[in-house]
Amino acid sequence: MKLDQFLKFQGVTLTGGQAKHLIQSGFVTVNGELEVRRGRQLNAGDIVTVEDESFEVELAPDSTP
């Protein structure tokens, strides 16, 4: 899942435009490092922090046989 999609999924933002602004304004870190790429691919276990709120990335297992 991409970072901007994750922020929308978590309810941090309502739109992709809001997510883009938040990310590019320097309010988002991934695993403790500033991230300004909204298309950053997230992996299970990554910690996304927006201001003082943190979220752990949990991805469903691939259901493809």
PDB file of N, CA and C in Angstrom:
ATOM      1  N   MET A   1       0.842  -1.164   0.000  1.00  0.00           N
ATOM      2  CA  MET A   1       0.000   0.000   0.000  1.00  0.00           C
ATOM      3  C   MET A   1       0.893   1.235   0.000  1.00  0.00           C
ATOM      4  N   LYS A   2       0.478   2.238  -0.735  1.00  0.00           N
ATOM      5  CA  LYS A   2       1.243   3.477  -0.801  1.00  0.00           C
ATOM      6  C   LYS A   2       0.909   4.358   0.399  1.00  0.00           C
ATOM      7  N   LEU A   3       1.847   5.229   0.738  1.00  0.00           N
ATOM      8  CA  LEU A   3       1.722   6.069   1.919  1.00  0.00           C
ATOM      9  C   LEU A   3       0.465   6.927   1.888  1.00  0.00           C
ATOM     10  N   ASP A   4       0.181   7.582   0.775  1.00  0.00           N
ATOM     11  CA  ASP A   4      -1.004   8.444   0.731  1.00  0.00           C
ATOM     12  C   ASP A   4      -2.290   7.633   0.899  1.00  0.00           C
ATOM     13  N   GLN A   5      -2.336   6.438   0.331  1.00  0.00           N
ATOM     14  CA  GLN A   5      -3.500   5.567   0.489  1.00  0.00           C
ATOM     15  C   GLN A   5      -3.652   5.132   1.941  1.00  0.00           C
ATOM     16  N   PHE A   6      -2.535   4.845   2.591  1.00  0.00           N
ATOM     17  CA  PHE A   6      -2.559   4.425   3.986  1.00  0.00           C
ATOM     18  C   PHE A   6      -3.135   5.523   4.873  1.00  0.00           C
ATOM     19  N   LEU A   7      -2.737   6.770   4.625  1.00  0.00           N
ATOM     20  CA  LEU A   7      -3.252   7.875   5.434  1.00  0.00           C
ATOM     21  C   LEU A   7      -4.762   8.022   5.268  1.00  0.00           C
ATOM     22  N   LYS A   8      -5.254   7.829   4.056  1.00  0.00           N
ATOM     23  CA  LYS A   8      -6.707   7.879   3.839  1.00  0.00           C
ATOM     24  C   LYS A   8      -7.383   6.699   4.527  1.00  0.00           C
ATOM     25  N   PHE A   9      -6.820   5.514   4.413  1.00  0.00           N
ATOM     26  CA  PHE A   9      -7.382   4.307   5.017  1.00  0.00           C
ATOM     27  C   PHE A   9      -7.481   4.442   6.537  1.00  0.00           C
ATOM     28  N   GLN A  10      -6.488   5.080   7.145  1.00  0.00           N
ATOM     29  CA  GLN A  10      -6.467   5.260   8.598  1.00  0.00           C
ATOM     30  C   GLN A  10      -7.364   6.415   9.056  1.00  0.00           C
ATOM     31  N   GLY A  11      -7.906   7.175   8.108  1.00  0.00           N
ATOM     32  CA  GLY A  11      -8.778   8.293   8.465  1.00  0.00           C
ATOM     33  C   GLY A  11      -8.033   9.548   8.860  1.00  0.00           C
ATOM     34  N   VAL A  12      -6.729   9.585   8.579  1.00  0.00           N
ATOM     35  CA  VAL A  12      -5.936  10.771   8.890  1.00  0.00           C
ATOM     36  C   VAL A  12      -6.326  11.905   7.951  1.00  0.00           C
ATOM     37  N   THR A  13      -6.579  11.562   6.688  1.00  0.00           N
ATOM     38  CA  THR A  13      -7.035  12.536   5.698  1.00  0.00           C
ATOM     39  C   THR A  13      -8.261  11.977   4.991  1.00  0.00           C
ATOM     40  N   LEU A  14      -9.013  12.869   4.365  1.00  0.00           N
ATOM     41  CA  LEU A  14     -10.198  12.446   3.629  1.00  0.00           C
ATOM     42  C   LEU A  14      -9.922  12.270   2.146  1.00  0.00           C
ATOM     43  N   THR A  15      -8.932  13.001   1.632  1.00  0.00           N
ATOM     44  CA  THR A  15      -8.654  12.964   0.198  1.00  0.00           C
ATOM     45  C   THR A  15      -7.167  12.756  -0.061  1.00  0.00           C
ATOM     46  N   GLY A  16      -6.869  12.362  -1.291  1.00  0.00           N
ATOM     47  CA  GLY A  16      -5.477  12.218  -1.697  1.00  0.00           C
ATOM     48  C   GLY A  16      -4.748  13.545  -1.686  1.00  0.00           C
ATOM     49  N   GLY A  17      -5.457  14.619  -2.011  1.00  0.00           N
ATOM     50  CA  GLY A  17      -4.853  15.949  -1.995  1.00  0.00           C
ATOM     51  C   GLY A  17      -4.425  16.362  -0.601  1.00  0.00           C
ATOM     52  N   GLN A  18      -5.260  16.046   0.387  1.00  0.00           N
ATOM     53  CA  GLN A  18      -4.910  16.349   1.773  1.00  0.00           C
ATOM     54  C   GLN A  18      -3.696  15.531   2.204  1.00  0.00           C
ATOM     55  N   ALA A  19      -3.672  14.267   1.812  1.00  0.00           N
ATOM     56  CA  ALA A  19      -2.541  13.401   2.151  1.00  0.00           C
ATOM     57  C   ALA A  19      -1.259  13.943   1.527  1.00  0.00           C
ATOM     58  N   LYS A  20      -1.335  14.336   0.264  1.00  0.00           N
ATOM     59  CA  LYS A  20      -0.175  14.886  -0.436  1.00  0.00           C
ATOM     60  C   LYS A  20       0.363  16.113   0.298  1.00  0.00           C
ATOM     61  N   HIS A  21      -0.527  17.011   0.685  1.00  0.00           N
ATOM     62  CA  HIS A  21      -0.109  18.234   1.377  1.00  0.00           C
ATOM     63  C   HIS A  21       0.560  17.911   2.715  1.00  0.00           C
ATOM     64  N   LEU A  22      -0.038  17.006   3.468  1.00  0.00           N
ATOM     65  CA  LEU A  22       0.500  16.618   4.772  1.00  0.00           C
ATOM     66  C   LEU A  22       1.898  16.019   4.627  1.00  0.00           C
ATOM     67  N   ILE A  23       2.051  15.128   3.643  1.00  0.00           N
ATOM     68  CA  ILE A  23       3.336  14.458   3.411  1.00  0.00           C
ATOM     69  C   ILE A  23       4.394  15.459   2.954  1.00  0.00           C
ATOM     70  N   GLN A  24       4.054  16.265   1.944  1.00  0.00           N
ATOM     71  CA  GLN A  24       5.034  17.186   1.381  1.00  0.00           C
ATOM     72  C   GLN A  24       5.363  18.352   2.309  1.00  0.00           C
ATOM     73  N   SER A  25       4.523  18.584   3.320  1.00  0.00           N
ATOM     74  CA  SER A  25       4.788  19.646   4.291  1.00  0.00           C
ATOM     75  C   SER A  25       5.685  19.177   5.433  1.00  0.00           C
ATOM     76  N   GLY A  26       6.061  17.894   5.415  1.00  0.00           N
ATOM     77  CA  GLY A  26       7.007  17.386   6.397  1.00  0.00           C
ATOM     78  C   GLY A  26       6.404  16.921   7.708  1.00  0.00           C
ATOM     79  N   PHE A  27       5.121  16.584   7.700  1.00  0.00           N
ATOM     80  CA  PHE A  27       4.451  16.143   8.922  1.00  0.00           C
ATOM     81  C   PHE A  27       4.434  14.628   9.091  1.00  0.00           C
ATOM     82  N   VAL A  28       5.013  13.885   8.139  1.00  0.00           N
ATOM     83  CA  VAL A  28       4.907  12.426   8.161  1.00  0.00           C
ATOM     84  C   VAL A  28       6.293  11.785   8.207  1.00  0.00           C
ATOM     85  N   THR A  29       6.441  10.808   9.106  1.00  0.00           N
ATOM     86  CA  THR A  29       7.658  10.005   9.128  1.00  0.00           C
ATOM     87  C   THR A  29       7.287   8.538   8.965  1.00  0.00           C
ATOM     88  N   VAL A  30       8.210   7.780   8.386  1.00  0.00           N
ATOM     89  CA  VAL A  30       8.055   6.332   8.267  1.00  0.00           C
ATOM     90  C   VAL A  30       9.275   5.716   8.937  1.00  0.00           C
ATOM     91  N   ASN A  31       9.024   4.910   9.946  1.00  0.00           N
ATOM     92  CA  ASN A  31      10.097   4.280  10.728  1.00  0.00           C
ATOM     93  C   ASN A  31      11.081   5.315  11.270  1.00  0.00           C
ATOM     94  N   GLY A  32      10.541   6.470  11.696  1.00  0.00           N
ATOM     95  CA  GLY A  32      11.357   7.503  12.321  1.00  0.00           C
ATOM     96  C   GLY A  32      12.077   8.435  11.372  1.00  0.00           C
ATOM     97  N   GLU A  33      11.906   8.244  10.066  1.00  0.00           N
ATOM     98  CA  GLU A  33      12.584   9.093   9.087  1.00  0.00           C
ATOM     99  C   GLU A  33      11.568   9.900   8.296  1.00  0.00           C
ATOM    100  N   LEU A  34      11.850  11.189   8.106  1.00  0.00           N
ATOM    101  CA  LEU A  34      10.975  12.065   7.343  1.00  0.00           C
ATOM    102  C   LEU A  34      10.729  11.479   5.962  1.00  0.00           C
ATOM    103  N   GLU A  35       9.474  11.469   5.547  1.00  0.00           N
ATOM    104  CA  GLU A  35       9.125  10.934   4.226  1.00  0.00           C
ATOM    105  C   GLU A  35       8.300  11.971   3.478  1.00  0.00           C
ATOM    106  N   VAL A  36       8.755  12.364   2.292  1.00  0.00           N
ATOM    107  CA  VAL A  36       8.040  13.358   1.497  1.00  0.00           C
ATOM    108  C   VAL A  36       7.526  12.784   0.176  1.00  0.00           C
ATOM    109  N   ARG A  37       7.672  11.477  -0.002  1.00  0.00           N
ATOM    110  CA  ARG A  37       7.166  10.828  -1.222  1.00  0.00           C
ATOM    111  C   ARG A  37       5.818  10.185  -0.911  1.00  0.00           C
ATOM    112  N   ARG A  38       4.766  10.724  -1.499  1.00  0.00           N
ATOM    113  CA  ARG A  38       3.436  10.186  -1.200  1.00  0.00           C
ATOM    114  C   ARG A  38       3.249   8.789  -1.771  1.00  0.00           C
ATOM    115  N   GLY A  39       4.019   8.418  -2.773  1.00  0.00           N
ATOM    116  CA  GLY A  39       3.924   7.103  -3.383  1.00  0.00           C
ATOM    117  C   GLY A  39       4.816   6.063  -2.725  1.00  0.00           C
ATOM    118  N   ARG A  40       5.425   6.403  -1.602  1.00  0.00           N
ATOM    119  CA  ARG A  40       6.306   5.466  -0.878  1.00  0.00           C
ATOM    120  C   ARG A  40       5.540   4.176  -0.592  1.00  0.00           C
ATOM    121  N   GLN A  41       6.106   3.052  -1.005  1.00  0.00           N
ATOM    122  CA  GLN A  41       5.482   1.749  -0.765  1.00  0.00           C
ATOM    123  C   GLN A  41       5.738   1.343   0.680  1.00  0.00           C
ATOM    124  N   LEU A  42       4.670   1.022   1.397  1.00  0.00           N
ATOM    125  CA  LEU A  42       4.793   0.609   2.791  1.00  0.00           C
ATOM    126  C   LEU A  42       4.812  -0.905   2.892  1.00  0.00           C
ATOM    127  N   ASN A  43       5.482  -1.400   3.904  1.00  0.00           N
ATOM    128  CA  ASN A  43       5.569  -2.833   4.163  1.00  0.00           C
ATOM    129  C   ASN A  43       4.984  -3.135   5.533  1.00  0.00           C
ATOM    130  N   ALA A  44       4.549  -4.367   5.725  1.00  0.00           N
ATOM    131  CA  ALA A  44       4.026  -4.783   7.024  1.00  0.00           C
ATOM    132  C   ALA A  44       5.074  -4.513   8.098  1.00  0.00           C
ATOM    133  N   GLY A  45       4.632  -3.937   9.201  1.00  0.00           N
ATOM    134  CA  GLY A  45       5.538  -3.629  10.298  1.00  0.00           C
ATOM    135  C   GLY A  45       6.080  -2.216  10.286  1.00  0.00           C
ATOM    136  N   ASP A  46       5.944  -1.499   9.162  1.00  0.00           N
ATOM    137  CA  ASP A  46       6.377  -0.104   9.125  1.00  0.00           C
ATOM    138  C   ASP A  46       5.556   0.702  10.125  1.00  0.00           C
ATOM    139  N   ILE A  47       6.173   1.717  10.712  1.00  0.00           N
ATOM    140  CA  ILE A  47       5.491   2.615  11.638  1.00  0.00           C
ATOM    141  C   ILE A  47       5.393   3.984  10.970  1.00  0.00           C
ATOM    142  N   VAL A  48       4.162   4.418  10.728  1.00  0.00           N
ATOM    143  CA  VAL A  48       3.901   5.720  10.116  1.00  0.00           C
ATOM    144  C   VAL A  48       3.452   6.666  11.223  1.00  0.00           C
ATOM    145  N   THR A  49       4.143   7.798  11.342  1.00  0.00           N
ATOM    146  CA  THR A  49       3.794   8.779  12.363  1.00  0.00           C
ATOM    147  C   THR A  49       3.399  10.083  11.689  1.00  0.00           C
ATOM    148  N   VAL A  50       2.239  10.593  12.105  1.00  0.00           N
ATOM    149  CA  VAL A  50       1.745  11.881  11.620  1.00  0.00           C
ATOM    150  C   VAL A  50       1.615  12.769  12.846  1.00  0.00           C
ATOM    151  N   GLU A  51       2.452  13.802  12.884  1.00  0.00           N
ATOM    152  CA  GLU A  51       2.565  14.655  14.056  1.00  0.00           C
ATOM    153  C   GLU A  51       2.848  13.766  15.267  1.00  0.00           C
ATOM    154  N   ASP A  52       1.941  13.600  16.218  1.00  0.00           N
ATOM    155  CA  ASP A  52       2.231  12.791  17.408  1.00  0.00           C
ATOM    156  C   ASP A  52       1.475  11.472  17.435  1.00  0.00           C
ATOM    157  N   GLU A  53       0.849  11.090  16.340  1.00  0.00           N
ATOM    158  CA  GLU A  53       0.063   9.858  16.299  1.00  0.00           C
ATOM    159  C   GLU A  53       0.750   8.835  15.394  1.00  0.00           C
ATOM    160  N   SER A  54       0.930   7.612  15.910  1.00  0.00           N
ATOM    161  CA  SER A  54       1.622   6.564  15.159  1.00  0.00           C
ATOM    162  C   SER A  54       0.677   5.435  14.789  1.00  0.00           C
ATOM    163  N   PHE A  55       0.942   4.843  13.623  1.00  0.00           N
ATOM    164  CA  PHE A  55       0.153   3.731  13.105  1.00  0.00           C
ATOM    165  C   PHE A  55       1.108   2.654  12.611  1.00  0.00           C
ATOM    166  N   GLU A  56       0.827   1.402  12.955  1.00  0.00           N
ATOM    167  CA  GLU A  56       1.629   0.295  12.433  1.00  0.00           C
ATOM    168  C   GLU A  56       0.942  -0.257  11.196  1.00  0.00           C
ATOM    169  N   VAL A  57       1.721  -0.476  10.149  1.00  0.00           N
ATOM    170  CA  VAL A  57       1.184  -1.008   8.905  1.00  0.00           C
ATOM    171  C   VAL A  57       0.959  -2.503   9.066  1.00  0.00           C
ATOM    172  N   GLU A  58      -0.276  -2.912   8.854  1.00  0.00           N
ATOM    173  CA  GLU A  58      -0.633  -4.332   8.876  1.00  0.00           C
ATOM    174  C   GLU A  58      -1.308  -4.638   7.552  1.00  0.00           C
ATOM    175  N   LEU A  59      -0.663  -5.433   6.735  1.00  0.00           N
ATOM    176  CA  LEU A  59      -1.201  -5.767   5.422  1.00  0.00           C
ATOM    177  C   LEU A  59      -1.775  -7.168   5.446  1.00  0.00           C
ATOM    178  N   ALA A  60      -2.923  -7.329   4.815  1.00  0.00           N
ATOM    179  CA  ALA A  60      -3.545  -8.651   4.730  1.00  0.00           C
ATOM    180  C   ALA A  60      -2.685  -9.543   3.846  1.00  0.00           C
ATOM    181  N   PRO A  61      -2.610 -10.826   4.167  1.00  0.00           N
ATOM    182  CA  PRO A  61      -1.847 -11.739   3.310  1.00  0.00           C
ATOM    183  C   PRO A  61      -2.439 -11.769   1.908  1.00  0.00           C
ATOM    184  N   ASP A  62      -1.586 -11.949   0.946  1.00  0.00           N
ATOM    185  CA  ASP A  62      -2.033 -12.031  -0.446  1.00  0.00           C
ATOM    186  C   ASP A  62      -2.920 -13.257  -0.608  1.00  0.00           C
ATOM    187  N   SER A  63      -4.118 -13.058  -1.143  1.00  0.00           N
ATOM    188  CA  SER A  63      -5.063 -14.168  -1.280  1.00  0.00           C
ATOM    189  C   SER A  63      -4.927 -14.895  -2.611  1.00  0.00           C
ATOM    190  N   THR A  64      -3.944 -14.493  -3.416  1.00  0.00           N
ATOM    191  CA  THR A  64      -3.738 -15.147  -4.701  1.00  0.00           C
ATOM    192  C   THR A  64      -3.109 -16.520  -4.483  1.00  0.00           C
ATOM    193  N   PRO A  65      -3.685 -17.578  -5.073  1.00  0.00           N
ATOM    194  CA  PRO A  65      -3.114 -18.929  -4.887  1.00  0.00           C
ATOM    195  C   PRO A  65      -1.759 -19.090  -5.543  1.00  0.00           C
TER     196      PRO A  65
END
